Amino acid sequence: MPKDHLKMEIFFQDPDDIPLPPEEVRIREFRAAPWEDGQRVRIYLEVDPFQKRPSAEVVILNPQGEVVSQASIVETVTRKMEFNLHLRQAEAAGEGYTARAVLYYRALPDQPPDEVELPEAMIVDQRQVELSIP
């Protein structure tokens, strides 16, 4: 039997989840859970169904407001993202940390970025959670 006959596409999309235009896409859920080693934080980010792929910036701030970890997600293809951020502080234990997610859209230029200025991002949603590092 030719391999072409074995191809099957399965989509488990919820029919009630209608893809939204960029200005209506929001963060559905945002969680940050520190690992017991005190050096990593598990991030869970879920967004609404989308017509156009959104981008996100996730940062962790220490109690002094300094960025100790960050990740950029450029035009995600999935609505549910789970990843680990590694803290850049040797002694990170303590209270008062903040994890922040910003969901945005940006029209990227056709030319390389060093030849043209990037357009302003359209921020569509933001969330933040407080956490303690063990």
Protein backbone atom coordinates (compact mmCIF):
# COMPACT_ATOMS: atom_id res chain seq x y z
CA MET A 1 0.00 0.00 0.00
CA PRO A 2 1.45 3.44 -0.88
CA LYS A 3 2.40 5.64 2.08
CA ASP A 4 0.05 8.39 0.88
CA HIS A 5 -2.89 6.24 1.90
CA LEU A 6 -1.63 6.06 5.48
CA LYS A 7 -1.73 9.81 6.09
CA MET A 8 -4.38 10.90 8.51
CA GLU A 9 -4.96 14.32 10.01
CA ILE A 10 -6.71 14.55 13.34
CA PHE A 11 -7.76 17.83 14.90
CA PHE A 12 -9.12 17.92 18.45
CA GLN A 13 -10.15 21.55 18.41
CA ASP A 14 -13.07 22.46 20.63
CA PRO A 15 -15.87 23.69 18.32
CA ASP A 16 -16.80 26.31 20.95
CA ASP A 17 -13.31 27.84 20.77
CA ILE A 18 -13.57 30.17 17.80
CA PRO A 19 -10.25 31.71 16.66
CA LEU A 20 -10.20 35.40 17.53
CA PRO A 21 -8.70 38.39 15.69
CA PRO A 22 -5.50 39.83 17.24
CA GLU A 23 -7.16 42.64 19.22
CA GLU A 24 -9.44 40.13 21.03
CA VAL A 25 -6.87 37.46 21.97
CA ARG A 26 -6.24 37.23 25.73
CA ILE A 27 -4.21 35.17 28.17
CA ARG A 28 -6.49 32.44 29.55
CA GLU A 29 -4.11 31.14 32.18
CA PHE A 30 -0.68 32.07 33.49
CA ARG A 31 1.11 30.13 36.25
CA ALA A 32 4.64 30.11 37.62
CA ALA A 33 5.80 27.28 39.90
CA PRO A 34 9.35 27.27 41.32
CA TRP A 35 11.26 24.00 41.31
CA GLU A 36 12.55 22.72 44.66
CA ASP A 37 16.15 23.36 43.52
CA GLY A 38 15.51 27.12 43.70
CA GLN A 39 17.13 27.66 40.30
CA ARG A 40 14.26 27.10 37.88
CA VAL A 41 10.63 28.15 37.49
CA ARG A 42 8.09 26.20 35.46
CA ILE A 43 5.89 28.53 33.40
CA TYR A 44 2.47 27.64 32.01
CA LEU A 45 0.89 30.07 29.55
CA GLU A 46 -2.39 29.48 27.72
CA VAL A 47 -3.97 31.94 25.29
CA ASP A 48 -7.29 32.18 23.48
CA PRO A 49 -7.63 30.54 20.06
CA PHE A 50 -6.18 32.92 17.49
CA GLN A 51 -6.46 33.75 13.80
CA LYS A 52 -2.97 35.26 13.69
CA ARG A 53 -0.08 33.86 15.74
CA PRO A 54 0.71 36.01 18.82
CA SER A 55 4.06 36.62 20.47
CA ALA A 56 4.80 36.77 24.19
CA GLU A 57 7.49 38.02 26.53
CA VAL A 58 7.81 36.28 29.90
CA VAL A 59 10.07 37.68 32.62
CA ILE A 60 10.82 36.90 36.24
CA LEU A 61 11.74 39.84 38.46
CA ASN A 62 13.51 39.57 41.81
CA PRO A 63 12.27 41.55 44.84
CA GLN A 64 14.41 44.53 43.71
CA GLY A 65 12.62 44.59 40.33
CA GLU A 66 15.61 43.28 38.36
CA VAL A 67 15.08 40.77 35.56
CA VAL A 68 16.55 37.42 36.66
CA SER A 69 15.13 35.34 33.80
CA GLN A 70 13.25 35.91 30.57
CA ALA A 71 11.98 34.22 27.44
CA SER A 72 10.65 35.54 24.14
CA ILE A 73 8.08 33.54 22.21
CA VAL A 74 7.79 34.73 18.63
CA GLU A 75 4.56 33.95 16.76
CA THR A 76 3.64 30.81 18.65
CA VAL A 77 1.84 28.05 16.77
CA THR A 78 0.31 26.56 19.91
CA ARG A 79 -2.13 28.01 22.44
CA LYS A 80 -0.75 26.09 25.44
CA MET A 81 2.91 26.58 26.31
CA GLU A 82 4.88 25.05 29.16
CA PHE A 83 8.58 25.71 29.69
CA ASN A 84 11.24 26.29 32.35
CA LEU A 85 13.08 29.52 33.05
CA HIS A 86 16.47 29.34 34.76
CA LEU A 87 17.17 32.01 37.36
CA ARG A 88 20.39 34.00 36.85
CA GLN A 89 20.98 34.55 40.57
CA ALA A 90 23.27 32.31 42.62
CA GLU A 91 21.16 32.76 45.77
CA ALA A 92 17.60 33.14 44.56
CA ALA A 93 15.67 31.89 47.61
CA GLY A 94 13.11 34.21 49.10
CA GLU A 95 9.80 36.04 48.84
CA GLY A 96 8.72 38.86 46.56
CA TYR A 97 9.47 37.47 43.09
CA THR A 98 7.15 38.34 40.21
CA ALA A 99 6.53 36.44 36.98
CA ARG A 100 5.04 38.59 34.23
CA ALA A 101 3.68 37.66 30.78
CA VAL A 102 2.93 40.15 28.01
CA LEU A 103 0.99 38.96 24.95
CA TYR A 104 1.46 41.06 21.82
CA TYR A 105 1.42 41.32 18.03
CA ARG A 106 4.03 43.02 15.88
CA ALA A 107 4.10 43.33 12.12
CA LEU A 108 7.64 42.35 11.17
CA PRO A 109 9.25 44.23 8.26
CA ASP A 110 10.31 42.55 5.03
CA GLN A 111 13.83 43.95 5.40
CA PRO A 112 16.44 42.88 8.00
CA PRO A 113 15.93 44.70 11.34
CA ASP A 114 19.32 46.50 11.20
CA GLU A 115 18.15 48.39 8.11
CA VAL A 116 14.72 49.39 9.34
CA GLU A 117 13.20 50.24 12.72
CA LEU A 118 10.85 47.63 14.18
CA PRO A 119 7.23 48.77 14.46
CA GLU A 120 5.69 49.27 17.88
CA ALA A 121 4.15 46.14 19.42
CA MET A 122 0.38 45.99 19.93
CA ILE A 123 0.01 44.66 23.49
CA VAL A 124 -3.25 42.74 23.81
CA ASP A 125 -2.96 41.35 27.36
CA GLN A 126 -0.70 41.12 30.43
CA ARG A 127 -0.66 38.97 33.54
CA GLN A 128 1.57 38.66 36.54
CA VAL A 129 1.83 36.36 39.55
CA GLU A 130 3.81 36.62 42.76
CA LEU A 131 6.00 33.70 43.81
CA SER A 132 8.48 32.57 46.44
CA ILE A 133 11.65 30.72 45.55
CA PRO A 134 12.43 27.84 47.98
